[in-house]
Amino acid sequence: MSVTDPIADMLARIRNAYHALHKKVAMPHSKMKESMAGILKDQGYIEEFAVDGRDLVITLKYAKGRPLIAGLKRVSKPGRRIYVGAHDIPRVQNGLGICILSTSRGIMDGLAARSANVGGELLCEVW
């Protein structure tokens, strides 16, 4: 089955797995999803991720039985792309969350993109 928006599908799978208190969630693999999972791991939102054949398996992280990710929001959608400049990168939840961008230098979180002075497509927000 073909998915129209693979990034929104990834975010929905993570959100649903957290609500169901699953330890792991699997999804079809792509380089963009793997890069996004790497940012989530570096920022401490997930425990681990691994590529298993054609699947990307993400190990979710909980603190005292509660999910570390309170919310995931897809910003740029296939029907309406949202681009931001380096100085227009939003602060998510007043600095408590992160945004993930697709830049000319690859997939980056908002803080890294702001410090590298590059803008790009605003993919999602995580808090």
PDB file of N, CA and C in Angstrom:
ATOM      1  N   MET A   1       0.845  -1.172   0.000  1.00  0.00           N
ATOM      2  CA  MET A   1       0.000   0.000   0.000  1.00  0.00           C
ATOM      3  C   MET A   1       0.892   1.236   0.000  1.00  0.00           C
ATOM      4  N   SER A   2       0.562   2.187  -0.854  1.00  0.00           N
ATOM      5  CA  SER A   2       1.335   3.406  -0.974  1.00  0.00           C
ATOM      6  C   SER A   2       0.826   4.457   0.018  1.00  0.00           C
ATOM      7  N   VAL A   3       1.769   5.160   0.638  1.00  0.00           N
ATOM      8  CA  VAL A   3       1.437   6.194   1.600  1.00  0.00           C
ATOM      9  C   VAL A   3       1.694   7.549   0.942  1.00  0.00           C
ATOM     10  N   THR A   4       0.726   8.458   1.023  1.00  0.00           N
ATOM     11  CA  THR A   4       0.859   9.766   0.402  1.00  0.00           C
ATOM     12  C   THR A   4       1.888  10.625   1.104  1.00  0.00           C
ATOM     13  N   ASP A   5       1.889  10.605   2.438  1.00  0.00           N
ATOM     14  CA  ASP A   5       2.814  11.419   3.221  1.00  0.00           C
ATOM     15  C   ASP A   5       3.555  10.528   4.211  1.00  0.00           C
ATOM     16  N   PRO A   6       4.742  10.036   3.848  1.00  0.00           N
ATOM     17  CA  PRO A   6       5.473   9.113   4.721  1.00  0.00           C
ATOM     18  C   PRO A   6       5.890   9.722   6.063  1.00  0.00           C
ATOM     19  N   ILE A   7       6.173  11.023   6.097  1.00  0.00           N
ATOM     20  CA  ILE A   7       6.593  11.652   7.353  1.00  0.00           C
ATOM     21  C   ILE A   7       5.420  11.726   8.319  1.00  0.00           C
ATOM     22  N   ALA A   8       4.242  12.098   7.820  1.00  0.00           N
ATOM     23  CA  ALA A   8       3.051  12.125   8.671  1.00  0.00           C
ATOM     24  C   ALA A   8       2.720  10.724   9.168  1.00  0.00           C
ATOM     25  N   ASP A   9       2.948   9.714   8.322  1.00  0.00           N
ATOM     26  CA  ASP A   9       2.728   8.329   8.728  1.00  0.00           C
ATOM     27  C   ASP A   9       3.687   7.942   9.851  1.00  0.00           C
ATOM     28  N   MET A  10       4.944   8.361   9.745  1.00  0.00           N
ATOM     29  CA  MET A  10       5.933   8.080  10.797  1.00  0.00           C
ATOM     30  C   MET A  10       5.508   8.716  12.116  1.00  0.00           C
ATOM     31  N   LEU A  11       5.120   9.990  12.063  1.00  0.00           N
ATOM     32  CA  LEU A  11       4.724  10.692  13.277  1.00  0.00           C
ATOM     33  C   LEU A  11       3.471  10.066  13.900  1.00  0.00           C
ATOM     34  N   ALA A  12       2.525   9.652  13.066  1.00  0.00           N
ATOM     35  CA  ALA A  12       1.308   9.016  13.572  1.00  0.00           C
ATOM     36  C   ALA A  12       1.627   7.672  14.219  1.00  0.00           C
ATOM     37  N   ARG A  13       2.538   6.917  13.632  1.00  0.00           N
ATOM     38  CA  ARG A  13       2.917   5.621  14.221  1.00  0.00           C
ATOM     39  C   ARG A  13       3.590   5.819  15.578  1.00  0.00           C
ATOM     40  N   ILE A  14       4.465   6.817  15.690  1.00  0.00           N
ATOM     41  CA  ILE A  14       5.130   7.087  16.972  1.00  0.00           C
ATOM     42  C   ILE A  14       4.103   7.531  18.004  1.00  0.00           C
ATOM     43  N   ARG A  15       3.215   8.441  17.618  1.00  0.00           N
ATOM     44  CA  ARG A  15       2.185   8.942  18.528  1.00  0.00           C
ATOM     45  C   ARG A  15       1.281   7.801  19.014  1.00  0.00           C
ATOM     46  N   ASN A  16       0.837   6.953  18.098  1.00  0.00           N
ATOM     47  CA  ASN A  16      -0.041   5.839  18.462  1.00  0.00           C
ATOM     48  C   ASN A  16       0.669   4.824  19.351  1.00  0.00           C
ATOM     49  N   ALA A  17       1.949   4.561  19.079  1.00  0.00           N
ATOM     50  CA  ALA A  17       2.702   3.614  19.901  1.00  0.00           C
ATOM     51  C   ALA A  17       2.888   4.156  21.317  1.00  0.00           C
ATOM     52  N   TYR A  18       3.118   5.453  21.448  1.00  0.00           N
ATOM     53  CA  TYR A  18       3.229   6.056  22.778  1.00  0.00           C
ATOM     54  C   TYR A  18       1.912   5.966  23.536  1.00  0.00           C
ATOM     55  N   HIS A  19       0.797   6.225  22.846  1.00  0.00           N
ATOM     56  CA  HIS A  19      -0.510   6.146  23.512  1.00  0.00           C
ATOM     57  C   HIS A  19      -0.840   4.725  23.961  1.00  0.00           C
ATOM     58  N   ALA A  20      -0.362   3.740  23.202  1.00  0.00           N
ATOM     59  CA  ALA A  20      -0.599   2.340  23.548  1.00  0.00           C
ATOM     60  C   ALA A  20       0.478   1.784  24.474  1.00  0.00           C
ATOM     61  N   LEU A  21       1.459   2.629  24.848  1.00  0.00           N
ATOM     62  CA  LEU A  21       2.566   2.257  25.742  1.00  0.00           C
ATOM     63  C   LEU A  21       3.398   1.096  25.207  1.00  0.00           C
ATOM     64  N   HIS A  22       3.609   1.076  23.891  1.00  0.00           N
ATOM     65  CA  HIS A  22       4.472   0.069  23.286  1.00  0.00           C
ATOM     66  C   HIS A  22       5.936   0.414  23.534  1.00  0.00           C
ATOM     67  N   LYS A  23       6.775  -0.605  23.532  1.00  0.00           N
ATOM     68  CA  LYS A  23       8.212  -0.409  23.721  1.00  0.00           C
ATOM     69  C   LYS A  23       8.891  -0.050  22.393  1.00  0.00           C
ATOM     70  N   LYS A  24       8.418  -0.646  21.297  1.00  0.00           N
ATOM     71  CA  LYS A  24       9.010  -0.424  19.980  1.00  0.00           C
ATOM     72  C   LYS A  24       7.922  -0.171  18.953  1.00  0.00           C
ATOM     73  N   VAL A  25       8.317   0.508  17.881  1.00  0.00           N
ATOM     74  CA  VAL A  25       7.415   0.734  16.759  1.00  0.00           C
ATOM     75  C   VAL A  25       8.227   0.552  15.476  1.00  0.00           C
ATOM     76  N   ALA A  26       7.626  -0.117  14.498  1.00  0.00           N
ATOM     77  CA  ALA A  26       8.292  -0.374  13.220  1.00  0.00           C
ATOM     78  C   ALA A  26       7.540   0.345  12.107  1.00  0.00           C
ATOM     79  N   MET A  27       8.303   0.779  11.110  1.00  0.00           N
ATOM     80  CA  MET A  27       7.730   1.470   9.962  1.00  0.00           C
ATOM     81  C   MET A  27       8.624   1.242   8.762  1.00  0.00           C
ATOM     82  N   PRO A  28       8.118   1.478   7.550  1.00  0.00           N
ATOM     83  CA  PRO A  28       8.974   1.335   6.366  1.00  0.00           C
ATOM     84  C   PRO A  28      10.157   2.301   6.434  1.00  0.00           C
ATOM     85  N   HIS A  29      11.310   1.845   5.986  1.00  0.00           N
ATOM     86  CA  HIS A  29      12.540   2.618   6.089  1.00  0.00           C
ATOM     87  C   HIS A  29      12.697   3.586   4.921  1.00  0.00           C
ATOM     88  N   SER A  30      13.219   4.764   5.216  1.00  0.00           N
ATOM     89  CA  SER A  30      13.715   5.692   4.205  1.00  0.00           C
ATOM     90  C   SER A  30      14.842   6.495   4.852  1.00  0.00           C
ATOM     91  N   LYS A  31      15.685   7.086   4.028  1.00  0.00           N
ATOM     92  CA  LYS A  31      16.812   7.859   4.562  1.00  0.00           C
ATOM     93  C   LYS A  31      16.332   9.070   5.353  1.00  0.00           C
ATOM     94  N   MET A  32      15.233   9.697   4.892  1.00  0.00           N
ATOM     95  CA  MET A  32      14.720  10.868   5.597  1.00  0.00           C
ATOM     96  C   MET A  32      14.192  10.478   6.977  1.00  0.00           C
ATOM     97  N   LYS A  33      13.457   9.377   7.055  1.00  0.00           N
ATOM     98  CA  LYS A  33      12.948   8.911   8.349  1.00  0.00           C
ATOM     99  C   LYS A  33      14.093   8.543   9.283  1.00  0.00           C
ATOM    100  N   GLU A  34      15.132   7.932   8.724  1.00  0.00           N
ATOM    101  CA  GLU A  34      16.295   7.558   9.523  1.00  0.00           C
ATOM    102  C   GLU A  34      16.997   8.808  10.065  1.00  0.00           C
ATOM    103  N   SER A  35      17.103   9.847   9.256  1.00  0.00           N
ATOM    104  CA  SER A  35      17.709  11.099   9.714  1.00  0.00           C
ATOM    105  C   SER A  35      16.865  11.750  10.803  1.00  0.00           C
ATOM    106  N   MET A  36      15.547  11.719  10.637  1.00  0.00           N
ATOM    107  CA  MET A  36      14.659  12.290  11.656  1.00  0.00           C
ATOM    108  C   MET A  36      14.758  11.502  12.960  1.00  0.00           C
ATOM    109  N   ALA A  37      14.842  10.170  12.849  1.00  0.00           N
ATOM    110  CA  ALA A  37      15.000   9.342  14.040  1.00  0.00           C
ATOM    111  C   ALA A  37      16.333   9.631  14.722  1.00  0.00           C
ATOM    112  N   GLY A  38      17.367   9.896  13.944  1.00  0.00           N
ATOM    113  CA  GLY A  38      18.665  10.259  14.516  1.00  0.00           C
ATOM    114  C   GLY A  38      18.587  11.558  15.309  1.00  0.00           C
ATOM    115  N   ILE A  39      17.830  12.535  14.806  1.00  0.00           N
ATOM    116  CA  ILE A  39      17.665  13.794  15.535  1.00  0.00           C
ATOM    117  C   ILE A  39      16.876  13.555  16.813  1.00  0.00           C
ATOM    118  N   LEU A  40      15.814  12.747  16.739  1.00  0.00           N
ATOM    119  CA  LEU A  40      15.026  12.448  17.932  1.00  0.00           C
ATOM    120  C   LEU A  40      15.868  11.733  18.987  1.00  0.00           C
ATOM    121  N   LYS A  41      16.774  10.855  18.538  1.00  0.00           N
ATOM    122  CA  LYS A  41      17.656  10.161  19.482  1.00  0.00           C
ATOM    123  C   LYS A  41      18.671  11.127  20.096  1.00  0.00           C
ATOM    124  N   ASP A  42      19.262  11.984  19.266  1.00  0.00           N
ATOM    125  CA  ASP A  42      20.250  12.951  19.767  1.00  0.00           C
ATOM    126  C   ASP A  42      19.635  13.919  20.771  1.00  0.00           C
ATOM    127  N   GLN A  43      18.375  14.280  20.568  1.00  0.00           N
ATOM    128  CA  GLN A  43      17.694  15.206  21.470  1.00  0.00           C
ATOM    129  C   GLN A  43      17.107  14.506  22.692  1.00  0.00           C
ATOM    130  N   GLY A  44      17.174  13.171  22.729  1.00  0.00           N
ATOM    131  CA  GLY A  44      16.730  12.424  23.899  1.00  0.00           C
ATOM    132  C   GLY A  44      15.257  12.058  23.916  1.00  0.00           C
ATOM    133  N   TYR A  45      14.569  12.151  22.775  1.00  0.00           N
ATOM    134  CA  TYR A  45      13.148  11.838  22.727  1.00  0.00           C
ATOM    135  C   TYR A  45      12.873  10.347  22.543  1.00  0.00           C
ATOM    136  N   ILE A  46      13.820   9.619  21.939  1.00  0.00           N
ATOM    137  CA  ILE A  46      13.671   8.174  21.784  1.00  0.00           C
ATOM    138  C   ILE A  46      14.921   7.492  22.321  1.00  0.00           C
ATOM    139  N   GLU A  47      14.768   6.210  22.632  1.00  0.00           N
ATOM    140  CA  GLU A  47      15.872   5.435  23.202  1.00  0.00           C
ATOM    141  C   GLU A  47      16.895   5.066  22.126  1.00  0.00           C
ATOM    142  N   GLU A  48      16.414   4.452  21.048  1.00  0.00           N
ATOM    143  CA  GLU A  48      17.298   3.902  20.019  1.00  0.00           C
ATOM    144  C   GLU A  48      16.499   3.712  18.738  1.00  0.00           C
ATOM    145  N   PHE A  49      17.203   3.598  17.625  1.00  0.00           N
ATOM    146  CA  PHE A  49      16.575   3.215  16.365  1.00  0.00           C
ATOM    147  C   PHE A  49      17.529   2.323  15.609  1.00  0.00           C
ATOM    148  N   ALA A  50      16.963   1.448  14.794  1.00  0.00           N
ATOM    149  CA  ALA A  50      17.779   0.517  14.015  1.00  0.00           C
ATOM    150  C   ALA A  50      17.070   0.208  12.714  1.00  0.00           C
ATOM    151  N   VAL A  51      17.859  -0.100  11.695  1.00  0.00           N
ATOM    152  CA  VAL A  51      17.313  -0.499  10.409  1.00  0.00           C
ATOM    153  C   VAL A  51      17.335  -2.016  10.368  1.00  0.00           C
ATOM    154  N   ASP A  52      16.159  -2.619  10.210  1.00  0.00           N
ATOM    155  CA  ASP A  52      16.017  -4.070  10.191  1.00  0.00           C
ATOM    156  C   ASP A  52      15.425  -4.467   8.843  1.00  0.00           C
ATOM    157  N   GLY A  53      16.296  -4.762   7.894  1.00  0.00           N
ATOM    158  CA  GLY A  53      15.826  -5.099   6.553  1.00  0.00           C
ATOM    159  C   GLY A  53      15.244  -3.868   5.884  1.00  0.00           C
ATOM    160  N   ARG A  54      13.952  -3.921   5.595  1.00  0.00           N
ATOM    161  CA  ARG A  54      13.273  -2.779   4.984  1.00  0.00           C
ATOM    162  C   ARG A  54      12.530  -1.926   6.005  1.00  0.00           C
ATOM    163  N   ASP A  55      12.674  -2.233   7.276  1.00  0.00           N
ATOM    164  CA  ASP A  55      11.946  -1.528   8.323  1.00  0.00           C
ATOM    165  C   ASP A  55      12.890  -0.687   9.178  1.00  0.00           C
ATOM    166  N   LEU A  56      12.348   0.405   9.672  1.00  0.00           N
ATOM    167  CA  LEU A  56      13.016   1.239  10.664  1.00  0.00           C
ATOM    168  C   LEU A  56      12.318   0.964  11.983  1.00  0.00           C
ATOM    169  N   VAL A  57      13.069   0.461  12.969  1.00  0.00           N
ATOM    170  CA  VAL A  57      12.508   0.111  14.268  1.00  0.00           C
ATOM    171  C   VAL A  57      12.990   1.134  15.291  1.00  0.00           C
ATOM    172  N   ILE A  58      12.031   1.801  15.936  1.00  0.00           N
ATOM    173  CA  ILE A  58      12.344   2.826  16.922  1.00  0.00           C
ATOM    174  C   ILE A  58      11.969   2.307  18.296  1.00  0.00           C
ATOM    175  N   THR A  59      12.910   2.362  19.234  1.00  0.00           N
ATOM    176  CA  THR A  59      12.652   2.007  20.625  1.00  0.00           C
ATOM    177  C   THR A  59      12.263   3.278  21.362  1.00  0.00           C
ATOM    178  N   LEU A  60      11.066   3.287  21.908  1.00  0.00           N
ATOM    179  CA  LEU A  60      10.521   4.473  22.553  1.00  0.00           C
ATOM    180  C   LEU A  60      11.065   4.638  23.966  1.00  0.00           C
ATOM    181  N   LYS A  61      11.032   5.860  24.462  1.00  0.00           N
ATOM    182  CA  LYS A  61      11.596   6.188  25.764  1.00  0.00           C
ATOM    183  C   LYS A  61      10.488   6.735  26.665  1.00  0.00           C
ATOM    184  N   TYR A  62      10.458   6.227  27.892  1.00  0.00           N
ATOM    185  CA  TYR A  62       9.462   6.661  28.871  1.00  0.00           C
ATOM    186  C   TYR A  62      10.173   7.146  30.131  1.00  0.00           C
ATOM    187  N   ALA A  63       9.544   8.067  30.843  1.00  0.00           N
ATOM    188  CA  ALA A  63      10.052   8.542  32.118  1.00  0.00           C
ATOM    189  C   ALA A  63       8.942   8.377  33.149  1.00  0.00           C
ATOM    190  N   LYS A  64       9.164   7.506  34.111  1.00  0.00           N
ATOM    191  CA  LYS A  64       8.173   7.218  35.156  1.00  0.00           C
ATOM    192  C   LYS A  64       6.838   6.767  34.563  1.00  0.00           C
ATOM    193  N   GLY A  65       6.921   5.954  33.508  1.00  0.00           N
ATOM    194  CA  GLY A  65       5.724   5.414  32.880  1.00  0.00           C
ATOM    195  C   GLY A  65       5.011   6.365  31.940  1.00  0.00           C
ATOM    196  N   ARG A  66       5.549   7.564  31.752  1.00  0.00           N
ATOM    197  CA  ARG A  66       4.927   8.550  30.869  1.00  0.00           C
ATOM    198  C   ARG A  66       5.822   8.768  29.655  1.00  0.00           C
ATOM    199  N   PRO A  67       5.228   8.956  28.471  1.00  0.00           N
ATOM    200  CA  PRO A  67       6.032   9.188  27.265  1.00  0.00           C
ATOM    201  C   PRO A  67       6.802  10.504  27.346  1.00  0.00           C
ATOM    202  N   LEU A  68       7.997  10.513  26.780  1.00  0.00           N
ATOM    203  CA  LEU A  68       8.780  11.741  26.754  1.00  0.00           C
ATOM    204  C   LEU A  68       8.269  12.715  25.698  1.00  0.00           C
ATOM    205  N   ILE A  69       7.621  12.203  24.668  1.00  0.00           N
ATOM    206  CA  ILE A  69       7.063  13.066  23.630  1.00  0.00           C
ATOM    207  C   ILE A  69       5.614  13.358  23.977  1.00  0.00           C
ATOM    208  N   ALA A  70       5.316  14.617  24.250  1.00  0.00           N
ATOM    209  CA  ALA A  70       3.943  15.019  24.564  1.00  0.00           C
ATOM    210  C   ALA A  70       3.156  15.307  23.296  1.00  0.00           C
ATOM    211  N   GLY A  71       3.825  15.747  22.249  1.00  0.00           N
ATOM    212  CA  GLY A  71       3.123  16.063  21.021  1.00  0.00           C
ATOM    213  C   GLY A  71       4.028  16.038  19.806  1.00  0.00           C
ATOM    214  N   LEU A  72       3.437  15.684  18.673  1.00  0.00           N
ATOM    215  CA  LEU A  72       4.114  15.679  17.379  1.00  0.00           C
ATOM    216  C   LEU A  72       3.187  16.379  16.395  1.00  0.00           C
ATOM    217  N   LYS A  73       3.720  17.302  15.612  1.00  0.00           N
ATOM    218  CA  LYS A  73       2.884  18.028  14.674  1.00  0.00           C
ATOM    219  C   LYS A  73       3.586  18.137  13.337  1.00  0.00           C
ATOM    220  N   ARG A  74       2.929  17.693  12.284  1.00  0.00           N
ATOM    221  CA  ARG A  74       3.438  17.832  10.924  1.00  0.00           C
ATOM    222  C   ARG A  74       3.120  19.243  10.464  1.00  0.00           C
ATOM    223  N   VAL A  75       4.121  20.007  10.063  1.00  0.00           N
ATOM    224  CA  VAL A  75       3.916  21.400   9.678  1.00  0.00           C
ATOM    225  C   VAL A  75       3.782  21.523   8.165  1.00  0.00           C
ATOM    226  N   SER A  76       4.813  21.143   7.428  1.00  0.00           N
ATOM    227  CA  SER A  76       4.798  21.212   5.977  1.00  0.00           C
ATOM    228  C   SER A  76       4.158  19.935   5.437  1.00  0.00           C
ATOM    229  N   LYS A  77       3.114  20.106   4.630  1.00  0.00           N
ATOM    230  CA  LYS A  77       2.375  18.956   4.119  1.00  0.00           C
ATOM    231  C   LYS A  77       2.527  18.900   2.606  1.00  0.00           C
ATOM    232  N   PRO A  78       2.207  17.769   1.983  1.00  0.00           N
ATOM    233  CA  PRO A  78       2.348  17.690   0.524  1.00  0.00           C
ATOM    234  C   PRO A  78       1.513  18.731  -0.225  1.00  0.00           C
ATOM    235  N   GLY A  79       0.370  19.111   0.323  1.00  0.00           N
ATOM    236  CA  GLY A  79      -0.469  20.100  -0.342  1.00  0.00           C
ATOM    237  C   GLY A  79      -0.056  21.529  -0.075  1.00  0.00           C
ATOM    238  N   ARG A  80       0.710  21.739   0.976  1.00  0.00           N
ATOM    239  CA  ARG A  80       1.144  23.099   1.336  1.00  0.00           C
ATOM    240  C   ARG A  80       2.496  23.031   2.020  1.00  0.00           C
ATOM    241  N   ARG A  81       3.522  23.310   1.272  1.00  0.00           N
ATOM    242  CA  ARG A  81       4.881  23.293   1.803  1.00  0.00           C
ATOM    243  C   ARG A  81       5.161  24.593   2.554  1.00  0.00           C
ATOM    244  N   ILE A  82       5.829  24.472   3.703  1.00  0.00           N
ATOM    245  CA  ILE A  82       6.168  25.632   4.524  1.00  0.00           C
ATOM    246  C   ILE A  82       7.695  25.751   4.558  1.00  0.00           C
ATOM    247  N   TYR A  83       8.195  26.882   4.074  1.00  0.00           N
ATOM    248  CA  TYR A  83       9.625  27.141   4.074  1.00  0.00           C
ATOM    249  C   TYR A  83       9.914  28.317   5.001  1.00  0.00           C
ATOM    250  N   VAL A  84      11.019  28.238   5.723  1.00  0.00           N
ATOM    251  CA  VAL A  84      11.415  29.310   6.629  1.00  0.00           C
ATOM    252  C   VAL A  84      12.880  29.664   6.380  1.00  0.00           C
ATOM    253  N   GLY A  85      13.191  30.921   6.612  1.00  0.00           N
ATOM    254  CA  GLY A  85      14.573  31.372   6.530  1.00  0.00           C
ATOM    255  C   GLY A  85      15.291  31.079   7.836  1.00  0.00           C
ATOM    256  N   ALA A  86      16.570  31.305   7.850  1.00  0.00           N
ATOM    257  CA  ALA A  86      17.373  31.007   9.046  1.00  0.00           C
ATOM    258  C   ALA A  86      16.922  31.838  10.238  1.00  0.00           C
ATOM    259  N   HIS A  87      16.454  33.057   9.995  1.00  0.00           N
ATOM    260  CA  HIS A  87      16.043  33.926  11.097  1.00  0.00           C
ATOM    261  C   HIS A  87      14.581  33.746  11.472  1.00  0.00           C
ATOM    262  N   ASP A  88      13.845  32.952  10.692  1.00  0.00           N
ATOM    263  CA  ASP A  88      12.418  32.746  10.942  1.00  0.00           C
ATOM    264  C   ASP A  88      12.107  31.368  11.515  1.00  0.00           C
ATOM    265  N   ILE A  89      13.121  30.611  11.911  1.00  0.00           N
ATOM    266  CA  ILE A  89      12.901  29.274  12.461  1.00  0.00           C
ATOM    267  C   ILE A  89      12.179  29.416  13.798  1.00  0.00           C
ATOM    268  N   PRO A  90      11.012  28.765  13.947  1.00  0.00           N
ATOM    269  CA  PRO A  90      10.215  28.973  15.159  1.00  0.00           C
ATOM    270  C   PRO A  90      10.801  28.271  16.375  1.00  0.00           C
ATOM    271  N   ARG A  91      10.488  28.826  17.538  1.00  0.00           N
ATOM    272  CA  ARG A  91      10.809  28.173  18.810  1.00  0.00           C
ATOM    273  C   ARG A  91       9.572  27.375  19.203  1.00  0.00           C
ATOM    274  N   VAL A  92       9.732  26.101  19.429  1.00  0.00           N
ATOM    275  CA  VAL A  92       8.611  25.220  19.729  1.00  0.00           C
ATOM    276  C   VAL A  92       8.376  25.194  21.233  1.00  0.00           C
ATOM    277  N   GLN A  93       7.141  25.451  21.641  1.00  0.00           N
ATOM    278  CA  GLN A  93       6.739  25.450  23.047  1.00  0.00           C
ATOM    279  C   GLN A  93       7.683  26.300  23.893  1.00  0.00           C
ATOM    280  N   ASN A  94       8.016  27.475  23.358  1.00  0.00           N
ATOM    281  CA  ASN A  94       8.865  28.429  24.060  1.00  0.00           C
ATOM    282  C   ASN A  94      10.243  27.847  24.413  1.00  0.00           C
ATOM    283  N   GLY A  95      10.778  27.016  23.533  1.00  0.00           N
ATOM    284  CA  GLY A  95      12.107  26.449  23.725  1.00  0.00           C
ATOM    285  C   GLY A  95      12.121  25.069  24.351  1.00  0.00           C
ATOM    286  N   LEU A  96      10.956  24.526  24.722  1.00  0.00           N
ATOM    287  CA  LEU A  96      10.909  23.202  25.339  1.00  0.00           C
ATOM    288  C   LEU A  96      10.838  22.073  24.320  1.00  0.00           C
ATOM    289  N   GLY A  97      10.597  22.402  23.075  1.00  0.00           N
ATOM    290  CA  GLY A  97      10.508  21.397  22.022  1.00  0.00           C
ATOM    291  C   GLY A  97      11.511  21.700  20.925  1.00  0.00           C
ATOM    292  N   ILE A  98      11.452  20.901  19.868  1.00  0.00           N
ATOM    293  CA  ILE A  98      12.342  21.103  18.727  1.00  0.00           C
ATOM    294  C   ILE A  98      11.519  21.105  17.447  1.00  0.00           C
ATOM    295  N   CYS A  99      12.076  21.707  16.423  1.00  0.00           N
ATOM    296  CA  CYS A  99      11.501  21.576  15.088  1.00  0.00           C
ATOM    297  C   CYS A  99      12.563  20.914  14.215  1.00  0.00           C
ATOM    298  N   ILE A 100      12.095  20.178  13.237  1.00  0.00           N
ATOM    299  CA  ILE A 100      12.993  19.469  12.333  1.00  0.00           C
ATOM    300  C   ILE A 100      12.817  20.062  10.943  1.00  0.00           C
ATOM    301  N   LEU A 101      13.937  20.410  10.305  1.00  0.00           N
ATOM    302  CA  LEU A 101      13.920  21.042   8.995  1.00  0.00           C
ATOM    303  C   LEU A 101      14.686  20.210   7.983  1.00  0.00           C
ATOM    304  N   SER A 102      14.265  20.305   6.734  1.00  0.00           N
ATOM    305  CA  SER A 102      15.006  19.742   5.628  1.00  0.00           C
ATOM    306  C   SER A 102      15.732  20.902   4.959  1.00  0.00           C
ATOM    307  N   THR A 103      17.041  20.953   5.103  1.00  0.00           N
ATOM    308  CA  THR A 103      17.833  22.070   4.588  1.00  0.00           C
ATOM    309  C   THR A 103      18.707  21.604   3.435  1.00  0.00           C
ATOM    310  N   SER A 104      19.434  22.543   2.870  1.00  0.00           N
ATOM    311  CA  SER A 104      20.368  22.198   1.801  1.00  0.00           C
ATOM    312  C   SER A 104      21.556  21.393   2.338  1.00  0.00           C
ATOM    313  N   ARG A 105      21.734  21.397   3.653  1.00  0.00           N
ATOM    314  CA  ARG A 105      22.810  20.631   4.297  1.00  0.00           C
ATOM    315  C   ARG A 105      22.292  19.353   4.940  1.00  0.00           C
ATOM    316  N   GLY A 106      21.067  18.966   4.625  1.00  0.00           N
ATOM    317  CA  GLY A 106      20.495  17.737   5.168  1.00  0.00           C
ATOM    318  C   GLY A 106      19.416  18.027   6.190  1.00  0.00           C
ATOM    319  N   ILE A 107      18.952  16.981   6.855  1.00  0.00           N
ATOM    320  CA  ILE A 107      17.915  17.106   7.875  1.00  0.00           C
ATOM    321  C   ILE A 107      18.585  17.614   9.162  1.00  0.00           C
ATOM    322  N   MET A 108      18.044  18.709   9.724  1.00  0.00           N
ATOM    323  CA  MET A 108      18.627  19.309  10.926  1.00  0.00           C
ATOM    324  C   MET A 108      17.520  19.728  11.878  1.00  0.00           C
ATOM    325  N   ASP A 109      17.867  19.821  13.165  1.00  0.00           N
ATOM    326  CA  ASP A 109      16.916  20.397  14.111  1.00  0.00           C
ATOM    327  C   ASP A 109      17.030  21.918  14.025  1.00  0.00           C
ATOM    328  N   GLY A 110      16.058  22.614  14.579  1.00  0.00           N
ATOM    329  CA  GLY A 110      15.988  24.057  14.448  1.00  0.00           C
ATOM    330  C   GLY A 110      17.182  24.790  15.010  1.00  0.00           C
ATOM    331  N   LEU A 111      17.683  24.345  16.151  1.00  0.00           N
ATOM    332  CA  LEU A 111      18.824  25.008  16.781  1.00  0.00           C
ATOM    333  C   LEU A 111      20.084  24.884  15.923  1.00  0.00           C
ATOM    334  N   ALA A 112      20.315  23.689  15.376  1.00  0.00           N
ATOM    335  CA  ALA A 112      21.491  23.482  14.524  1.00  0.00           C
ATOM    336  C   ALA A 112      21.373  24.283  13.235  1.00  0.00           C
ATOM    337  N   ALA A 113      20.164  24.352  12.670  1.00  0.00           N
ATOM    338  CA  ALA A 113      19.964  25.118  11.444  1.00  0.00           C
ATOM    339  C   ALA A 113      20.151  26.610  11.701  1.00  0.00           C
ATOM    340  N   ARG A 114      19.667  27.089  12.837  1.00  0.00           N
ATOM    341  CA  ARG A 114      19.814  28.504  13.181  1.00  0.00           C
ATOM    342  C   ARG A 114      21.292  28.853  13.375  1.00  0.00           C
ATOM    343  N   SER A 115      22.036  27.967  14.046  1.00  0.00           N
ATOM    344  CA  SER A 115      23.458  28.244  14.273  1.00  0.00           C
ATOM    345  C   SER A 115      24.275  28.115  12.984  1.00  0.00           C
ATOM    346  N   ALA A 116      23.824  27.257  12.048  1.00  0.00           N
ATOM    347  CA  ALA A 116      24.505  27.128  10.762  1.00  0.00           C
ATOM    348  C   ALA A 116      24.035  28.185   9.765  1.00  0.00           C
ATOM    349  N   ASN A 117      23.042  28.995  10.168  1.00  0.00           N
ATOM    350  CA  ASN A 117      22.490  30.074   9.354  1.00  0.00           C
ATOM    351  C   ASN A 117      21.915  29.564   8.030  1.00  0.00           C
ATOM    352  N   VAL A 118      21.148  28.469   8.117  1.00  0.00           N
ATOM    353  CA  VAL A 118      20.458  27.941   6.938  1.00  0.00           C
ATOM    354  C   VAL A 118      18.975  27.770   7.264  1.00  0.00           C
ATOM    355  N   GLY A 119      18.165  27.977   6.277  1.00  0.00           N
ATOM    356  CA  GLY A 119      16.727  27.750   6.404  1.00  0.00           C
ATOM    357  C   GLY A 119      16.346  26.551   5.561  1.00  0.00           C
ATOM    358  N   GLY A 120      15.060  26.286   5.477  1.00  0.00           N
ATOM    359  CA  GLY A 120      14.608  25.163   4.669  1.00  0.00           C
ATOM    360  C   GLY A 120      13.155  24.859   4.903  1.00  0.00           C
ATOM    361  N   GLU A 121      12.767  23.646   4.539  1.00  0.00           N
ATOM    362  CA  GLU A 121      11.382  23.226   4.699  1.00  0.00           C
ATOM    363  C   GLU A 121      11.158  22.773   6.140  1.00  0.00           C
ATOM    364  N   LEU A 122      10.171  23.335   6.795  1.00  0.00           N
ATOM    365  CA  LEU A 122       9.840  23.009   8.182  1.00  0.00           C
ATOM    366  C   LEU A 122       9.003  21.736   8.181  1.00  0.00           C
ATOM    367  N   LEU A 123       9.623  20.606   8.521  1.00  0.00           N
ATOM    368  CA  LEU A 123       8.954  19.315   8.433  1.00  0.00           C
ATOM    369  C   LEU A 123       7.981  19.085   9.576  1.00  0.00           C
ATOM    370  N   CYS A 124       8.445  19.202  10.829  1.00  0.00           N
ATOM    371  CA  CYS A 124       7.584  18.892  11.962  1.00  0.00           C
ATOM    372  C   CYS A 124       8.085  19.576  13.224  1.00  0.00           C
ATOM    373  N   GLU A 125       7.212  19.545  14.230  1.00  0.00           N
ATOM    374  CA  GLU A 125       7.540  20.047  15.555  1.00  0.00           C
ATOM    375  C   GLU A 125       7.342  18.934  16.558  1.00  0.00           C
ATOM    376  N   VAL A 126       8.236  18.830  17.532  1.00  0.00           N
ATOM    377  CA  VAL A 126       8.176  17.796  18.557  1.00  0.00           C
ATOM    378  C   VAL A 126       8.332  18.473  19.904  1.00  0.00           C
ATOM    379  N   TRP A 127       7.475  18.122  20.859  1.00  0.00           N
ATOM    380  CA  TRP A 127       7.592  18.654  22.212  1.00  0.00           C
ATOM    381  C   TRP A 127       7.172  17.640  23.233  1.00  0.00           C
TER     382      TRP A 127
END
